[in-house]
Protein backbone atom coordinates (compact mmCIF):
# COMPACT_ATOMS: atom_id res chain seq x y z
CA MET A 1 105.07 -2.53 65.49
CA GLU A 2 101.89 -4.41 64.63
CA THR A 3 98.89 -4.25 66.98
CA PRO A 4 97.82 -7.71 68.26
CA ARG A 5 94.53 -8.82 66.76
CA LEU A 6 93.09 -10.10 70.07
CA GLN A 7 94.17 -9.60 73.68
CA TYR A 8 93.52 -11.76 76.74
CA PHE A 9 92.70 -10.20 80.12
CA GLU A 10 92.71 -12.40 83.23
CA THR A 11 90.17 -11.85 86.00
CA ALA A 12 92.68 -9.83 88.04
CA GLN A 13 93.02 -7.38 85.13
CA VAL A 14 89.27 -6.76 84.76
CA ALA A 15 88.26 -3.86 87.00
CA GLY A 16 84.91 -4.07 88.77
CA ILE A 17 84.38 -7.82 88.40
CA PRO A 18 85.14 -9.99 91.45
CA GLY A 19 86.80 -12.66 89.27
CA LYS A 20 86.88 -16.15 90.76
CA SER A 21 83.46 -16.01 92.38
CA ILE A 22 81.61 -15.10 89.17
CA THR A 23 79.72 -17.67 87.14
CA VAL A 24 78.89 -17.36 83.45
CA ARG A 25 75.39 -18.36 82.48
CA VAL A 26 73.09 -18.30 79.49
CA ALA A 27 69.95 -16.13 79.61
CA ASN A 28 67.81 -19.21 80.40
CA GLY A 29 69.80 -19.64 83.66
CA ARG A 30 71.97 -22.58 82.63
CA VAL A 31 75.47 -22.19 84.13
CA LEU A 32 78.32 -22.66 81.66
CA GLY A 33 81.19 -22.32 84.14
CA ARG A 34 83.35 -19.94 86.18
CA PHE A 35 84.62 -16.65 84.75
CA ARG A 36 88.37 -16.70 84.02
CA GLY A 37 88.91 -13.74 81.70
CA LEU A 38 88.03 -11.83 78.55
CA ILE A 39 89.26 -11.77 74.95
CA ILE A 40 89.12 -8.27 73.49
CA ASP A 41 89.62 -7.01 69.93
CA PRO A 42 91.68 -3.87 70.73
CA PHE A 43 91.54 -2.49 67.19
CA ASN A 44 87.71 -2.42 67.12
CA GLN A 45 87.41 -2.01 70.92
CA HIS A 46 84.97 -4.91 71.07
CA LEU A 47 84.53 -7.77 73.54
CA ARG A 48 84.76 -11.03 71.57
CA TYR A 49 84.81 -13.90 74.08
CA VAL A 50 84.34 -14.71 77.74
CA VAL A 51 86.88 -17.26 79.00
CA ILE A 52 85.29 -19.84 81.31
CA ARG A 53 86.31 -22.93 83.25
CA ALA A 54 83.58 -25.57 83.18
CA SER A 55 82.74 -27.21 86.50
CA GLY A 56 83.38 -30.84 87.35
CA TRP A 57 86.33 -33.18 87.31
CA PHE A 58 86.88 -32.88 83.58
CA GLY A 59 86.01 -29.20 83.28
CA LYS A 60 87.84 -27.49 80.45
CA THR A 61 88.81 -23.90 79.93
CA THR A 62 86.99 -22.65 76.87
CA LEU A 63 85.99 -19.51 74.98
CA VAL A 64 82.33 -18.54 74.76
CA PRO A 65 81.22 -15.87 72.27
CA ALA A 66 80.13 -12.80 74.22
CA TYR A 67 76.69 -12.07 72.81
CA SER A 68 75.24 -9.08 74.68
CA PRO A 69 76.91 -9.80 78.07
CA ARG A 70 75.30 -8.41 81.22
CA ILE A 71 76.83 -8.33 84.68
CA ASP A 72 74.56 -9.35 87.56
CA LEU A 73 76.56 -8.31 90.63
CA ALA A 74 73.82 -9.36 93.06
CA GLY A 75 73.66 -12.82 91.46
CA ARG A 76 77.47 -12.88 91.04
CA ALA A 77 77.15 -13.81 87.37
CA ILE A 78 77.80 -12.71 83.83
CA GLU A 79 74.82 -13.52 81.65
CA ILE A 80 75.10 -13.89 77.88
CA ASP A 81 72.43 -14.32 75.23
CA ASP A 82 71.81 -17.82 73.95
CA ARG A 83 72.45 -18.53 70.29
CA PRO A 84 70.38 -21.43 68.94
CA GLY A 85 72.47 -24.55 68.49
CA PHE A 86 75.58 -23.14 70.12
CA TYR A 87 75.23 -24.19 73.77
């Protein structure tokens, strides 16, 4: 049986993160959206993407590359590094 290349984990499957109430923001403080899950590369045991739901009426669910993610439990946020030209 072949190992899946990437695996999706919903907020309920991620231990230690209080899912729906967590925002995802860039290091400069700009909020990208609400945390919805993670995409993991199980073969390399590496976090690849954070799945977010953008706010607003037309908010979309999207994948954001997980560059050096940090969890701020007091601020109820996951903070990722900004990559020039990406956000």
